[in-house]
Amino acid sequence: MALGLALWISGCAAAREQEVQKQQVFEHRVDMAHIWVTTESPPAGKPYSELGPLTYTVPFTPDAIDEAKISDKLKAMAFAKWPDTIDAIVDENQTSSADGSQITVTAKAIKYDSSVDREALHHMNENLVASPNGN
């Protein structure tokens, strides 16, 4: 009986750990998805704080100039530096070296002063009901 109870408790702990991991994966996806990347300046009239510059240099390849890959790389860099504050990456720019062998990407990371999006997205699946009867 004691062995059965111990196994049941460890099973509950494992299930809880799995649920926590799923929530962390969800939050990471939401965080990455909400980061806006643009070649433009921040929108006029929306107050923001500059978090800092982003820059990287890579050898020239078709992937190096692929906009989706550039956005993904900038998002990953910004999220690594400012995981709790990054909202957008603006003024993204690409330049090539004089000999054309390298591409340098630069941008600025910003946080909107009135942003509540991240907090709302983090908690959007709390208190969900699986059925209309609350079961």
C-alpha atoms as a PDB file:
ATOM      1  CA  MET A   1       0.000   0.000   0.000  1.00  0.00           C
ATOM      2  CA  ALA A   2       2.827   2.405   0.918  1.00  0.00           C
ATOM      3  CA  LEU A   3       4.593   1.615  -2.343  1.00  0.00           C
ATOM      4  CA  GLY A   4       1.419   2.351  -4.309  1.00  0.00           C
ATOM      5  CA  LEU A   5       0.990   5.671  -2.508  1.00  0.00           C
ATOM      6  CA  ALA A   6       4.633   6.598  -3.180  1.00  0.00           C
ATOM      7  CA  LEU A   7       4.224   5.790  -6.873  1.00  0.00           C
ATOM      8  CA  TRP A   8       1.004   7.809  -7.068  1.00  0.00           C
ATOM      9  CA  ILE A   9       2.671  10.825  -5.398  1.00  0.00           C
ATOM     10  CA  SER A  10       5.688  10.639  -7.699  1.00  0.00           C
ATOM     11  CA  GLY A  11       3.335  10.356 -10.684  1.00  0.00           C
ATOM     12  CA  CYS A  12       1.511  13.507  -9.567  1.00  0.00           C
ATOM     13  CA  ALA A  13       4.812  15.350  -9.161  1.00  0.00           C
ATOM     14  CA  ALA A  14       5.927  14.253 -12.627  1.00  0.00           C
ATOM     15  CA  ALA A  15       2.615  15.378 -14.132  1.00  0.00           C
ATOM     16  CA  ARG A  16       2.928  18.761 -12.402  1.00  0.00           C
ATOM     17  CA  GLU A  17       6.504  19.170 -13.665  1.00  0.00           C
ATOM     18  CA  GLN A  18       5.348  18.346 -17.186  1.00  0.00           C
ATOM     19  CA  GLU A  19       2.584  20.957 -16.900  1.00  0.00           C
ATOM     20  CA  VAL A  20       5.082  23.576 -15.705  1.00  0.00           C
ATOM     21  CA  GLN A  21       7.381  22.773 -18.643  1.00  0.00           C
ATOM     22  CA  LYS A  22       4.483  23.079 -21.101  1.00  0.00           C
ATOM     23  CA  GLN A  23       3.597  26.484 -19.615  1.00  0.00           C
ATOM     24  CA  GLN A  24       7.211  27.662 -19.954  1.00  0.00           C
ATOM     25  CA  VAL A  25       7.341  26.554 -23.600  1.00  0.00           C
ATOM     26  CA  PHE A  26       4.037  28.350 -24.239  1.00  0.00           C
ATOM     27  CA  GLU A  27       5.293  31.551 -22.585  1.00  0.00           C
ATOM     28  CA  HIS A  28       8.508  31.463 -24.620  1.00  0.00           C
ATOM     29  CA  ARG A  29       6.554  31.077 -27.871  1.00  0.00           C
ATOM     30  CA  VAL A  30       4.234  33.929 -26.916  1.00  0.00           C
ATOM     31  CA  ASP A  31       7.168  36.133 -25.925  1.00  0.00           C
ATOM     32  CA  MET A  32       8.930  35.527 -29.222  1.00  0.00           C
ATOM     33  CA  ALA A  33       5.755  35.948 -31.271  1.00  0.00           C
ATOM     34  CA  HIS A  34       4.858  39.297 -29.758  1.00  0.00           C
ATOM     35  CA  ILE A  35       8.227  40.929 -30.538  1.00  0.00           C
ATOM     36  CA  TRP A  36       7.707  43.210 -33.516  1.00  0.00           C
ATOM     37  CA  VAL A  37      10.629  43.653 -35.948  1.00  0.00           C
ATOM     38  CA  THR A  38      10.667  46.495 -38.462  1.00  0.00           C
ATOM     39  CA  THR A  39      12.996  48.586 -40.593  1.00  0.00           C
ATOM     40  CA  GLU A  40      10.892  51.588 -39.564  1.00  0.00           C
ATOM     41  CA  SER A  41      11.174  53.853 -36.535  1.00  0.00           C
ATOM     42  CA  PRO A  42       8.805  53.298 -33.602  1.00  0.00           C
ATOM     43  CA  PRO A  43       5.272  54.562 -34.223  1.00  0.00           C
ATOM     44  CA  ALA A  44       4.793  58.253 -33.502  1.00  0.00           C
ATOM     45  CA  GLY A  45       2.798  58.982 -30.386  1.00  0.00           C
ATOM     46  CA  LYS A  46       3.550  55.694 -28.642  1.00  0.00           C
ATOM     47  CA  PRO A  47       6.054  56.379 -25.842  1.00  0.00           C
ATOM     48  CA  TYR A  48       8.933  53.939 -25.531  1.00  0.00           C
ATOM     49  CA  SER A  49      12.289  53.408 -23.855  1.00  0.00           C
ATOM     50  CA  GLU A  50      15.329  52.242 -25.785  1.00  0.00           C
ATOM     51  CA  LEU A  51      16.796  49.066 -24.309  1.00  0.00           C
ATOM     52  CA  GLY A  52      19.926  48.993 -26.447  1.00  0.00           C
ATOM     53  CA  PRO A  53      21.491  48.219 -29.798  1.00  0.00           C
ATOM     54  CA  LEU A  54      21.550  44.848 -31.521  1.00  0.00           C
ATOM     55  CA  THR A  55      24.175  43.943 -34.082  1.00  0.00           C
ATOM     56  CA  TYR A  56      25.644  40.864 -35.669  1.00  0.00           C
ATOM     57  CA  THR A  57      27.841  40.053 -38.653  1.00  0.00           C
ATOM     58  CA  VAL A  58      27.703  36.850 -40.680  1.00  0.00           C
ATOM     59  CA  PRO A  59      29.205  35.595 -43.938  1.00  0.00           C
ATOM     60  CA  PHE A  60      27.127  36.449 -46.987  1.00  0.00           C
ATOM     61  CA  THR A  61      24.735  33.631 -47.932  1.00  0.00           C
ATOM     62  CA  PRO A  62      21.139  33.581 -49.160  1.00  0.00           C
ATOM     63  CA  ASP A  63      20.099  32.832 -45.547  1.00  0.00           C
ATOM     64  CA  ALA A  64      21.996  35.891 -44.306  1.00  0.00           C
ATOM     65  CA  ILE A  65      19.655  38.200 -46.226  1.00  0.00           C
ATOM     66  CA  ASP A  66      16.447  36.220 -45.611  1.00  0.00           C
ATOM     67  CA  GLU A  67      14.146  38.632 -43.736  1.00  0.00           C
ATOM     68  CA  ALA A  68      12.448  35.885 -41.706  1.00  0.00           C
ATOM     69  CA  LYS A  69      15.803  34.533 -40.554  1.00  0.00           C
ATOM     70  CA  ILE A  70      17.053  38.021 -39.738  1.00  0.00           C
ATOM     71  CA  SER A  71      13.922  38.671 -37.666  1.00  0.00           C
ATOM     72  CA  ASP A  72      14.282  35.347 -35.854  1.00  0.00           C
ATOM     73  CA  LYS A  73      17.936  36.044 -35.040  1.00  0.00           C
ATOM     74  CA  LEU A  74      17.231  39.569 -33.812  1.00  0.00           C
ATOM     75  CA  LYS A  75      14.322  38.322 -31.682  1.00  0.00           C
ATOM     76  CA  ALA A  76      16.503  35.611 -30.130  1.00  0.00           C
ATOM     77  CA  MET A  77      19.279  38.103 -29.385  1.00  0.00           C
ATOM     78  CA  ALA A  78      16.896  40.635 -27.863  1.00  0.00           C
ATOM     79  CA  PHE A  79      15.027  38.019 -25.844  1.00  0.00           C
ATOM     80  CA  ALA A  80      18.315  36.715 -24.437  1.00  0.00           C
ATOM     81  CA  LYS A  81      19.269  40.224 -23.257  1.00  0.00           C
ATOM     82  CA  TRP A  82      15.865  41.593 -22.210  1.00  0.00           C
ATOM     83  CA  PRO A  83      13.467  38.649 -21.684  1.00  0.00           C
ATOM     84  CA  ASP A  84      11.047  40.568 -19.484  1.00  0.00           C
ATOM     85  CA  THR A  85      11.001  43.897 -21.290  1.00  0.00           C
ATOM     86  CA  ILE A  86      11.545  43.588 -25.055  1.00  0.00           C
ATOM     87  CA  ASP A  87       8.524  44.673 -27.108  1.00  0.00           C
ATOM     88  CA  ALA A  88       9.948  45.629 -30.503  1.00  0.00           C
ATOM     89  CA  ILE A  89      13.055  45.785 -32.629  1.00  0.00           C
ATOM     90  CA  VAL A  90      13.147  48.897 -34.778  1.00  0.00           C
ATOM     91  CA  ASP A  91      15.388  50.549 -37.342  1.00  0.00           C
ATOM     92  CA  GLU A  92      16.628  47.166 -38.597  1.00  0.00           C
ATOM     93  CA  ASN A  93      19.279  47.715 -41.264  1.00  0.00           C
ATOM     94  CA  GLN A  94      21.603  45.513 -43.315  1.00  0.00           C
ATOM     95  CA  THR A  95      24.946  46.524 -44.759  1.00  0.00           C
ATOM     96  CA  SER A  96      27.463  44.476 -46.663  1.00  0.00           C
ATOM     97  CA  SER A  97      31.215  44.600 -46.279  1.00  0.00           C
ATOM     98  CA  ALA A  98      33.258  46.351 -48.961  1.00  0.00           C
ATOM     99  CA  ASP A  99      34.177  43.032 -50.547  1.00  0.00           C
ATOM    100  CA  GLY A 100      30.617  41.651 -50.237  1.00  0.00           C
ATOM    101  CA  SER A 101      31.702  38.690 -48.141  1.00  0.00           C
ATOM    102  CA  GLN A 102      29.828  39.661 -44.957  1.00  0.00           C
ATOM    103  CA  ILE A 103      26.492  41.121 -43.919  1.00  0.00           C
ATOM    104  CA  THR A 104      26.113  43.240 -40.785  1.00  0.00           C
ATOM    105  CA  VAL A 105      22.652  43.649 -39.313  1.00  0.00           C
ATOM    106  CA  THR A 106      21.919  46.441 -36.847  1.00  0.00           C
ATOM    107  CA  ALA A 107      18.767  47.425 -34.974  1.00  0.00           C
ATOM    108  CA  LYS A 108      17.485  48.928 -31.720  1.00  0.00           C
ATOM    109  CA  ALA A 109      15.525  47.074 -29.057  1.00  0.00           C
ATOM    110  CA  ILE A 110      12.727  49.016 -27.390  1.00  0.00           C
ATOM    111  CA  LYS A 111      10.110  48.645 -24.683  1.00  0.00           C
ATOM    112  CA  TYR A 112       6.849  50.500 -24.935  1.00  0.00           C
ATOM    113  CA  ASP A 113       6.232  52.543 -21.802  1.00  0.00           C
ATOM    114  CA  SER A 114       2.575  51.468 -21.571  1.00  0.00           C
ATOM    115  CA  SER A 115       2.887  47.857 -22.725  1.00  0.00           C
ATOM    116  CA  VAL A 116       0.663  45.313 -20.991  1.00  0.00           C
ATOM    117  CA  ASP A 117       0.662  42.808 -23.834  1.00  0.00           C
ATOM    118  CA  ARG A 118       3.225  40.424 -22.376  1.00  0.00           C
ATOM    119  CA  GLU A 119       1.485  40.099 -19.001  1.00  0.00           C
ATOM    120  CA  ALA A 120      -1.884  39.512 -20.671  1.00  0.00           C
ATOM    121  CA  LEU A 121      -0.439  36.917 -23.048  1.00  0.00           C
ATOM    122  CA  HIS A 122       1.320  35.080 -20.225  1.00  0.00           C
ATOM    123  CA  HIS A 123      -1.954  34.600 -18.393  1.00  0.00           C
ATOM    124  CA  MET A 124      -4.350  34.054 -21.282  1.00  0.00           C
ATOM    125  CA  ASN A 125      -4.751  30.332 -20.631  1.00  0.00           C
ATOM    126  CA  GLU A 126      -5.343  30.610 -16.887  1.00  0.00           C
ATOM    127  CA  ASN A 127      -8.787  29.758 -15.571  1.00  0.00           C
ATOM    128  CA  LEU A 128      -9.872  28.249 -18.879  1.00  0.00           C
ATOM    129  CA  VAL A 129     -12.814  25.914 -18.726  1.00  0.00           C
ATOM    130  CA  ALA A 130     -12.543  22.726 -20.765  1.00  0.00           C
ATOM    131  CA  SER A 131     -16.303  22.404 -21.177  1.00  0.00           C
ATOM    132  CA  PRO A 132     -19.335  24.669 -20.815  1.00  0.00           C
ATOM    133  CA  ASN A 133     -20.291  22.757 -17.648  1.00  0.00           C
ATOM    134  CA  GLY A 134     -16.976  23.564 -15.950  1.00  0.00           C
ATOM    135  CA  ASN A 135     -15.783  19.946 -16.027  1.00  0.00           C
END
